[in-house]
Amino acid sequence: MAKIIISILTFLLMLFPNWSGLLAEYQFRTFDMDTSVSMVMDAISAKDIGTIETMMCLNIKQNILDLPDEIGKLINAIDGSIVEISPWRRNYSSTTANGRERLYFEQIKLDFKTSEKEYSLGIMWGIVNSLAPKEIGIRRIVLTDPSLFGTDGYVVATIHATEYD
């Protein structure tokens, strides 16, 4: 049933490409948070900068100077290889819908262990944005070291869109 709905939405988007409500519904139905979180962690494990870069929102791609280098810094800040990933949990979700406009964001927290230590990864993800469809994707990603909570070293690395400056 889901494939049929997605196919219908895809067809209608070809006919009415500027229909923001239809685009928002398509984005929402085709996004899968479990798959996306797995892709991020697989890319970090493989040190695959390109995959993470493609998941970033347009704002980050346009405004972060040398984005591949910044992603590399985040990945390389992780000591050891990932040995255990705890189930991710939703910290926050926000939906705004008023007729033609629809925005939906998820903020997740993912704890994981490496052969050396434990880390947390926070991700703010734009899932639906009918106002700016190219702005879906990672809007903020923050790597933290829970053992250093309350110190200057707690935030190990961060990449974020300009609204978080």
N, C-alpha and C. Protein backbone atom coordinates (compact mmCIF):
# COMPACT_ATOMS: atom_id res chain seq x y z
N MET A 1 0.82 -1.20 0.00
CA MET A 1 0.00 0.00 0.00
C MET A 1 0.86 1.26 0.00
N ALA A 2 1.94 1.25 0.80
CA ALA A 2 2.81 2.43 0.87
C ALA A 2 3.45 2.71 -0.48
N LYS A 3 3.84 1.66 -1.21
CA LYS A 3 4.45 1.85 -2.53
C LYS A 3 3.46 2.47 -3.51
N ILE A 4 2.22 2.07 -3.40
CA ILE A 4 1.18 2.62 -4.28
C ILE A 4 1.00 4.11 -4.01
N ILE A 5 0.93 4.48 -2.74
CA ILE A 5 0.76 5.90 -2.38
C ILE A 5 1.95 6.71 -2.85
N ILE A 6 3.17 6.19 -2.65
CA ILE A 6 4.37 6.91 -3.08
C ILE A 6 4.37 7.05 -4.60
N SER A 7 3.97 6.00 -5.31
CA SER A 7 3.90 6.07 -6.78
C SER A 7 2.90 7.13 -7.24
N ILE A 8 1.76 7.19 -6.60
CA ILE A 8 0.75 8.20 -6.95
C ILE A 8 1.29 9.61 -6.66
N LEU A 9 1.91 9.78 -5.50
CA LEU A 9 2.48 11.08 -5.15
C LEU A 9 3.56 11.49 -6.15
N THR A 10 4.40 10.55 -6.56
CA THR A 10 5.46 10.83 -7.53
C THR A 10 4.85 11.29 -8.85
N PHE A 11 3.81 10.59 -9.31
CA PHE A 11 3.14 10.96 -10.55
C PHE A 11 2.54 12.35 -10.45
N LEU A 12 1.85 12.63 -9.35
CA LEU A 12 1.23 13.95 -9.18
C LEU A 12 2.28 15.06 -9.10
N LEU A 13 3.44 14.75 -8.50
CA LEU A 13 4.52 15.75 -8.44
C LEU A 13 5.05 16.07 -9.83
N MET A 14 5.03 15.09 -10.72
CA MET A 14 5.45 15.37 -12.10
C MET A 14 4.46 16.32 -12.77
N LEU A 15 3.18 16.16 -12.45
CA LEU A 15 2.16 17.02 -13.05
C LEU A 15 2.13 18.41 -12.40
N PHE A 16 2.34 18.45 -11.08
CA PHE A 16 2.25 19.70 -10.32
C PHE A 16 3.50 19.86 -9.46
N PRO A 17 4.66 20.17 -10.07
CA PRO A 17 5.92 20.20 -9.32
C PRO A 17 5.99 21.29 -8.25
N ASN A 18 5.17 22.30 -8.32
CA ASN A 18 5.22 23.39 -7.34
C ASN A 18 4.16 23.29 -6.25
N TRP A 19 3.48 22.20 -6.18
CA TRP A 19 2.45 21.99 -5.18
C TRP A 19 3.13 21.58 -3.89
N SER A 20 3.31 22.53 -3.01
CA SER A 20 4.14 22.31 -1.81
C SER A 20 3.53 21.28 -0.85
N GLY A 21 2.22 21.24 -0.73
CA GLY A 21 1.59 20.26 0.15
C GLY A 21 1.82 18.83 -0.33
N LEU A 22 1.77 18.64 -1.62
CA LEU A 22 2.02 17.34 -2.21
C LEU A 22 3.48 16.93 -2.02
N LEU A 23 4.39 17.88 -2.22
CA LEU A 23 5.81 17.61 -2.02
C LEU A 23 6.08 17.23 -0.57
N ALA A 24 5.47 17.93 0.36
CA ALA A 24 5.66 17.63 1.78
C ALA A 24 5.19 16.22 2.11
N GLU A 25 4.05 15.84 1.56
CA GLU A 25 3.52 14.50 1.81
C GLU A 25 4.47 13.44 1.23
N TYR A 26 5.02 13.69 0.05
CA TYR A 26 5.98 12.77 -0.56
C TYR A 26 7.23 12.64 0.31
N GLN A 27 7.78 13.77 0.76
CA GLN A 27 8.98 13.74 1.60
C GLN A 27 8.72 12.94 2.88
N PHE A 28 7.58 13.19 3.49
CA PHE A 28 7.27 12.52 4.75
C PHE A 28 7.11 11.01 4.57
N ARG A 29 6.46 10.60 3.50
CA ARG A 29 6.20 9.17 3.30
C ARG A 29 7.44 8.40 2.85
N THR A 30 8.39 9.07 2.20
CA THR A 30 9.57 8.36 1.70
C THR A 30 10.73 8.38 2.68
N PHE A 31 10.65 9.18 3.73
CA PHE A 31 11.75 9.26 4.69
C PHE A 31 11.64 8.14 5.71
N ASP A 32 12.74 7.47 5.98
CA ASP A 32 12.78 6.40 6.96
C ASP A 32 13.93 6.67 7.92
N MET A 33 13.60 7.06 9.15
CA MET A 33 14.60 7.44 10.14
C MET A 33 15.53 6.28 10.49
N ASP A 34 15.00 5.07 10.62
CA ASP A 34 15.86 3.92 10.95
C ASP A 34 16.94 3.72 9.90
N THR A 35 16.56 3.77 8.64
CA THR A 35 17.52 3.60 7.56
C THR A 35 18.54 4.72 7.56
N SER A 36 18.09 5.95 7.77
CA SER A 36 19.00 7.10 7.75
C SER A 36 20.01 7.04 8.88
N VAL A 37 19.57 6.68 10.09
CA VAL A 37 20.49 6.57 11.22
C VAL A 37 21.52 5.48 10.93
N SER A 38 21.07 4.35 10.39
CA SER A 38 22.00 3.27 10.04
C SER A 38 23.02 3.74 9.01
N MET A 39 22.55 4.51 8.02
CA MET A 39 23.46 5.02 6.99
C MET A 39 24.51 5.94 7.58
N VAL A 40 24.12 6.80 8.52
CA VAL A 40 25.08 7.71 9.16
C VAL A 40 26.13 6.89 9.92
N MET A 41 25.68 5.93 10.72
CA MET A 41 26.63 5.15 11.51
C MET A 41 27.52 4.28 10.63
N ASP A 42 26.97 3.71 9.57
CA ASP A 42 27.78 2.93 8.63
C ASP A 42 28.83 3.81 7.97
N ALA A 43 28.43 5.03 7.60
CA ALA A 43 29.37 5.96 6.96
C ALA A 43 30.47 6.38 7.94
N ILE A 44 30.11 6.61 9.20
CA ILE A 44 31.12 6.96 10.19
C ILE A 44 32.08 5.80 10.39
N SER A 45 31.55 4.59 10.49
CA SER A 45 32.41 3.40 10.67
C SER A 45 33.37 3.23 9.50
N ALA A 46 32.87 3.47 8.29
CA ALA A 46 33.70 3.30 7.09
C ALA A 46 34.51 4.55 6.75
N LYS A 47 34.35 5.61 7.56
CA LYS A 47 35.00 6.90 7.30
C LYS A 47 34.64 7.41 5.90
N ASP A 48 33.36 7.25 5.55
CA ASP A 48 32.84 7.63 4.24
C ASP A 48 32.29 9.05 4.30
N ILE A 49 33.14 10.00 4.03
CA ILE A 49 32.80 11.42 4.10
C ILE A 49 31.72 11.77 3.07
N GLY A 50 31.81 11.21 1.87
CA GLY A 50 30.87 11.53 0.80
C GLY A 50 29.43 11.21 1.14
N THR A 51 29.20 10.08 1.77
CA THR A 51 27.83 9.70 2.13
C THR A 51 27.24 10.68 3.13
N ILE A 52 28.01 11.04 4.13
CA ILE A 52 27.51 12.00 5.12
C ILE A 52 27.28 13.36 4.47
N GLU A 53 28.17 13.75 3.58
CA GLU A 53 28.00 15.04 2.90
C GLU A 53 26.70 15.07 2.10
N THR A 54 26.34 13.98 1.45
CA THR A 54 25.10 13.98 0.67
C THR A 54 23.87 14.07 1.56
N MET A 55 23.98 13.69 2.83
CA MET A 55 22.85 13.73 3.75
C MET A 55 22.64 15.12 4.35
N MET A 56 23.57 16.03 4.15
CA MET A 56 23.48 17.36 4.72
C MET A 56 22.46 18.21 3.96
N CYS A 57 21.85 19.15 4.68
CA CYS A 57 20.91 20.08 4.04
C CYS A 57 21.67 21.07 3.16
N LEU A 58 20.96 21.72 2.29
CA LEU A 58 21.56 22.68 1.36
C LEU A 58 22.28 23.81 2.10
N ASN A 59 21.70 24.29 3.20
CA ASN A 59 22.31 25.37 3.97
C ASN A 59 23.74 25.00 4.39
N ILE A 60 23.92 23.81 4.89
CA ILE A 60 25.26 23.37 5.31
C ILE A 60 26.17 23.24 4.09
N LYS A 61 25.66 22.65 3.02
CA LYS A 61 26.48 22.46 1.82
C LYS A 61 26.95 23.79 1.25
N GLN A 62 26.12 24.81 1.37
CA GLN A 62 26.48 26.12 0.80
C GLN A 62 27.29 27.00 1.75
N ASN A 63 27.19 26.79 3.05
CA ASN A 63 27.78 27.74 4.00
C ASN A 63 28.95 27.22 4.82
N ILE A 64 29.20 25.95 4.81
CA ILE A 64 30.35 25.42 5.55
C ILE A 64 31.52 25.33 4.59
N LEU A 65 32.53 26.13 4.86
CA LEU A 65 33.73 26.11 4.03
C LEU A 65 34.42 24.77 4.19
N ASP A 66 34.77 24.16 3.09
CA ASP A 66 35.45 22.86 3.06
C ASP A 66 34.70 21.82 3.89
N LEU A 67 33.45 21.60 3.52
CA LEU A 67 32.58 20.66 4.24
C LEU A 67 33.19 19.26 4.35
N PRO A 68 33.79 18.70 3.29
CA PRO A 68 34.39 17.37 3.45
C PRO A 68 35.46 17.33 4.55
N ASP A 69 36.23 18.39 4.67
CA ASP A 69 37.25 18.45 5.72
C ASP A 69 36.61 18.50 7.10
N GLU A 70 35.53 19.26 7.25
CA GLU A 70 34.83 19.35 8.54
C GLU A 70 34.21 18.00 8.93
N ILE A 71 33.65 17.31 7.95
CA ILE A 71 33.10 15.98 8.22
C ILE A 71 34.22 15.02 8.61
N GLY A 72 35.35 15.13 7.91
CA GLY A 72 36.52 14.30 8.25
C GLY A 72 37.00 14.54 9.67
N LYS A 73 36.98 15.80 10.10
CA LYS A 73 37.37 16.12 11.49
C LYS A 73 36.43 15.46 12.48
N LEU A 74 35.13 15.49 12.20
CA LEU A 74 34.16 14.87 13.08
C LEU A 74 34.40 13.35 13.16
N ILE A 75 34.56 12.73 12.00
CA ILE A 75 34.79 11.28 11.97
C ILE A 75 36.10 10.91 12.66
N ASN A 76 37.15 11.65 12.36
CA ASN A 76 38.48 11.34 12.92
C ASN A 76 38.59 11.66 14.40
N ALA A 77 37.64 12.41 14.94
CA ALA A 77 37.65 12.70 16.38
C ALA A 77 37.21 11.48 17.20
N ILE A 78 36.67 10.49 16.53
CA ILE A 78 36.22 9.26 17.21
C ILE A 78 37.41 8.32 17.35
N ASP A 79 37.81 8.04 18.60
CA ASP A 79 38.93 7.14 18.86
C ASP A 79 38.45 5.69 18.81
N GLY A 80 39.16 4.87 18.06
CA GLY A 80 38.84 3.45 18.00
C GLY A 80 37.77 3.14 16.97
N SER A 81 37.43 1.87 16.89
CA SER A 81 36.39 1.44 15.96
C SER A 81 35.10 1.19 16.74
N ILE A 82 33.98 1.43 16.07
CA ILE A 82 32.68 1.28 16.72
C ILE A 82 32.41 -0.20 16.97
N VAL A 83 32.10 -0.51 18.23
CA VAL A 83 31.84 -1.90 18.61
C VAL A 83 30.39 -2.13 19.05
N GLU A 84 29.70 -1.07 19.46
CA GLU A 84 28.32 -1.21 19.90
C GLU A 84 27.56 0.09 19.68
N ILE A 85 26.35 -0.04 19.15
CA ILE A 85 25.49 1.12 18.94
C ILE A 85 24.20 0.88 19.71
N SER A 86 23.89 1.78 20.62
CA SER A 86 22.64 1.67 21.37
C SER A 86 21.48 2.10 20.48
N PRO A 87 20.29 1.61 20.74
CA PRO A 87 19.14 2.06 19.96
C PRO A 87 19.01 3.59 20.08
N TRP A 88 18.77 4.23 18.95
CA TRP A 88 18.63 5.68 18.97
C TRP A 88 17.31 6.06 19.60
N ARG A 89 17.29 7.28 20.11
CA ARG A 89 16.04 7.75 20.71
C ARG A 89 15.73 9.16 20.24
N ARG A 90 14.46 9.40 20.08
CA ARG A 90 13.96 10.70 19.62
C ARG A 90 13.95 11.65 20.81
N ASN A 91 14.62 12.76 20.67
CA ASN A 91 14.62 13.78 21.70
C ASN A 91 13.53 14.81 21.45
N TYR A 92 13.24 15.05 20.20
CA TYR A 92 12.38 16.18 19.87
C TYR A 92 11.84 15.98 18.46
N SER A 93 10.63 16.30 18.27
CA SER A 93 10.12 16.39 16.91
C SER A 93 9.20 17.60 16.84
N SER A 94 9.19 18.23 15.72
CA SER A 94 8.41 19.44 15.56
C SER A 94 7.70 19.40 14.22
N THR A 95 6.43 19.64 14.25
CA THR A 95 5.64 19.69 13.02
C THR A 95 4.90 21.01 12.97
N THR A 96 4.97 21.65 11.85
CA THR A 96 4.19 22.85 11.61
C THR A 96 3.43 22.62 10.31
N ALA A 97 2.15 22.73 10.35
CA ALA A 97 1.35 22.56 9.14
C ALA A 97 0.21 23.56 9.17
N ASN A 98 0.13 24.36 8.15
CA ASN A 98 -0.98 25.32 8.05
C ASN A 98 -1.37 25.47 6.59
N GLY A 99 -2.13 24.53 6.15
CA GLY A 99 -2.58 24.57 4.76
C GLY A 99 -1.49 24.16 3.80
N ARG A 100 -0.82 25.12 3.21
CA ARG A 100 0.16 24.84 2.17
C ARG A 100 1.56 24.56 2.72
N GLU A 101 1.87 25.00 3.93
CA GLU A 101 3.23 24.86 4.45
C GLU A 101 3.31 23.68 5.40
N ARG A 102 4.41 22.95 5.32
CA ARG A 102 4.60 21.85 6.23
C ARG A 102 6.09 21.70 6.52
N LEU A 103 6.42 21.69 7.80
CA LEU A 103 7.79 21.49 8.26
C LEU A 103 7.79 20.37 9.28
N TYR A 104 8.78 19.51 9.22
CA TYR A 104 8.88 18.44 10.21
C TYR A 104 10.35 18.17 10.48
N PHE A 105 10.72 18.25 11.74
CA PHE A 105 12.11 18.03 12.15
C PHE A 105 12.16 16.95 13.21
N GLU A 106 13.23 16.19 13.21
CA GLU A 106 13.49 15.18 14.23
C GLU A 106 14.85 15.49 14.83
N GLN A 107 14.94 15.38 16.13
CA GLN A 107 16.24 15.46 16.79
C GLN A 107 16.43 14.13 17.51
N ILE A 108 17.51 13.47 17.17
CA ILE A 108 17.75 12.17 17.79
C ILE A 108 19.07 12.18 18.55
N LYS A 109 19.18 11.27 19.48
CA LYS A 109 20.42 11.07 20.23
C LYS A 109 20.80 9.61 20.08
N LEU A 110 22.03 9.40 19.73
CA LEU A 110 22.53 8.06 19.48
C LEU A 110 23.80 7.86 20.31
N ASP A 111 23.77 6.90 21.22
CA ASP A 111 24.95 6.57 22.03
C ASP A 111 25.65 5.37 21.42
N PHE A 112 26.98 5.44 21.40
CA PHE A 112 27.73 4.30 20.86
C PHE A 112 29.07 4.16 21.57
N LYS A 113 29.59 2.94 21.53
CA LYS A 113 30.88 2.63 22.15
C LYS A 113 31.87 2.27 21.05
N THR A 114 33.09 2.72 21.26
CA THR A 114 34.18 2.28 20.39
C THR A 114 35.09 1.39 21.22
N SER A 115 36.13 0.91 20.59
CA SER A 115 37.09 0.09 21.31
C SER A 115 37.85 0.91 22.36
N GLU A 116 37.70 2.23 22.30
CA GLU A 116 38.43 3.12 23.21
C GLU A 116 37.55 3.82 24.26
N LYS A 117 36.35 4.26 23.86
CA LYS A 117 35.50 5.04 24.78
C LYS A 117 34.07 5.11 24.29
N GLU A 118 33.23 5.86 25.01
CA GLU A 118 31.83 6.03 24.64
C GLU A 118 31.60 7.44 24.11
N TYR A 119 30.66 7.56 23.17
CA TYR A 119 30.30 8.84 22.57
C TYR A 119 28.78 8.94 22.45
N SER A 120 28.32 10.16 22.23
CA SER A 120 26.93 10.42 21.86
C SER A 120 26.95 11.25 20.59
N LEU A 121 25.99 10.98 19.74
CA LEU A 121 25.86 11.73 18.50
C LEU A 121 24.45 12.31 18.47
N GLY A 122 24.34 13.61 18.38
CA GLY A 122 23.06 14.28 18.26
C GLY A 122 22.87 14.74 16.83
N ILE A 123 21.72 14.47 16.28
CA ILE A 123 21.43 14.86 14.90
C ILE A 123 20.08 15.57 14.85
N MET A 124 20.06 16.75 14.29
CA MET A 124 18.81 17.46 13.98
C MET A 124 18.58 17.26 12.49
N TRP A 125 17.45 16.69 12.15
CA TRP A 125 17.18 16.30 10.78
C TRP A 125 15.91 16.95 10.28
N GLY A 126 16.01 17.66 9.18
CA GLY A 126 14.84 18.19 8.51
C GLY A 126 14.29 17.12 7.60
N ILE A 127 13.10 16.62 7.91
CA ILE A 127 12.51 15.52 7.15
C ILE A 127 11.58 16.06 6.07
N VAL A 128 10.80 17.07 6.41
CA VAL A 128 9.87 17.67 5.46
C VAL A 128 10.02 19.18 5.53
N ASN A 129 10.13 19.82 4.38
CA ASN A 129 10.16 21.27 4.33
C ASN A 129 9.52 21.70 3.02
N SER A 130 8.22 21.96 3.06
CA SER A 130 7.53 22.34 1.83
C SER A 130 7.88 23.76 1.39
N LEU A 131 8.43 24.56 2.29
CA LEU A 131 8.83 25.93 1.94
C LEU A 131 10.16 25.94 1.18
N ALA A 132 11.06 25.05 1.57
CA ALA A 132 12.38 24.96 0.95
C ALA A 132 12.75 23.48 0.85
N PRO A 133 12.25 22.79 -0.17
CA PRO A 133 12.42 21.34 -0.27
C PRO A 133 13.87 20.87 -0.27
N LYS A 134 14.80 21.70 -0.73
CA LYS A 134 16.21 21.28 -0.76
C LYS A 134 16.87 21.37 0.62
N GLU A 135 16.12 21.89 1.59
CA GLU A 135 16.67 22.02 2.94
C GLU A 135 16.43 20.79 3.81
N ILE A 136 15.89 19.72 3.25
CA ILE A 136 15.75 18.52 4.04
C ILE A 136 17.13 17.88 4.19
N GLY A 137 17.32 17.14 5.27
CA GLY A 137 18.59 16.50 5.53
C GLY A 137 19.12 16.92 6.89
N ILE A 138 20.36 16.59 7.15
CA ILE A 138 20.98 16.91 8.43
C ILE A 138 21.16 18.42 8.54
N ARG A 139 20.61 19.00 9.61
CA ARG A 139 20.74 20.44 9.85
C ARG A 139 21.77 20.72 10.94
N ARG A 140 22.00 19.70 11.78
CA ARG A 140 23.02 19.83 12.82
C ARG A 140 23.44 18.43 13.23
N ILE A 141 24.75 18.25 13.40
CA ILE A 141 25.28 16.99 13.90
C ILE A 141 26.36 17.33 14.93
N VAL A 142 26.21 16.76 16.13
CA VAL A 142 27.10 17.10 17.24
C VAL A 142 27.63 15.81 17.86
N LEU A 143 28.94 15.68 17.93
CA LEU A 143 29.58 14.55 18.59
C LEU A 143 30.02 15.00 19.98
N THR A 144 29.60 14.25 21.00
CA THR A 144 29.97 14.61 22.37
C THR A 144 30.63 13.42 23.07
N ASP A 145 31.40 13.75 24.09
CA ASP A 145 32.04 12.76 24.96
C ASP A 145 31.37 12.85 26.33
N PRO A 146 30.45 11.92 26.63
CA PRO A 146 29.69 12.00 27.89
C PRO A 146 30.56 12.01 29.14
N SER A 147 31.76 11.45 29.07
CA SER A 147 32.64 11.44 30.24
C SER A 147 33.16 12.83 30.57
N LEU A 148 33.03 13.76 29.64
CA LEU A 148 33.50 15.13 29.85
C LEU A 148 32.35 16.12 30.03
N PHE A 149 31.16 15.61 30.36
CA PHE A 149 29.99 16.47 30.54
C PHE A 149 30.30 17.58 31.55
N GLY A 150 29.96 18.79 31.22
CA GLY A 150 30.18 19.94 32.10
C GLY A 150 31.54 20.58 31.92
N THR A 151 32.34 20.09 30.98
CA THR A 151 33.65 20.68 30.73
C THR A 151 33.69 21.23 29.30
N ASP A 152 34.75 21.96 29.00
CA ASP A 152 34.92 22.52 27.66
C ASP A 152 35.12 21.43 26.60
N GLY A 153 35.57 20.25 27.01
CA GLY A 153 35.82 19.18 26.07
C GLY A 153 34.63 18.31 25.75
N TYR A 154 33.47 18.62 26.34
CA TYR A 154 32.27 17.80 26.15
C TYR A 154 31.87 17.70 24.69
N VAL A 155 31.81 18.85 23.98
CA VAL A 155 31.49 18.84 22.55
C VAL A 155 32.79 18.59 21.80
N VAL A 156 32.85 17.44 21.15
CA VAL A 156 34.05 17.04 20.44
C VAL A 156 34.09 17.67 19.05
N ALA A 157 32.96 17.65 18.35
CA ALA A 157 32.87 18.21 17.00
C ALA A 157 31.42 18.54 16.70
N THR A 158 31.22 19.56 15.89
CA THR A 158 29.87 19.94 15.49
C THR A 158 29.87 20.55 14.10
N ILE A 159 28.83 20.26 13.35
CA ILE A 159 28.58 20.87 12.04
C ILE A 159 27.12 21.27 12.06
N HIS A 160 26.82 22.51 11.68
CA HIS A 160 25.43 22.95 11.76
C HIS A 160 25.09 24.00 10.72
N ALA A 161 23.80 24.10 10.42
CA ALA A 161 23.29 25.11 9.50
C ALA A 161 23.39 26.49 10.17
N THR A 162 23.28 27.54 9.37
CA THR A 162 23.52 28.89 9.87
C THR A 162 22.52 29.34 10.93
N GLU A 163 21.31 28.75 10.98
CA GLU A 163 20.36 29.22 12.01
C GLU A 163 20.81 28.84 13.42
N TYR A 164 21.83 28.00 13.55
CA TYR A 164 22.33 27.61 14.86
C TYR A 164 23.58 28.39 15.27
N ASP A 165 23.96 29.39 14.46
CA ASP A 165 25.14 30.21 14.79
C ASP A 165 24.86 31.10 15.99
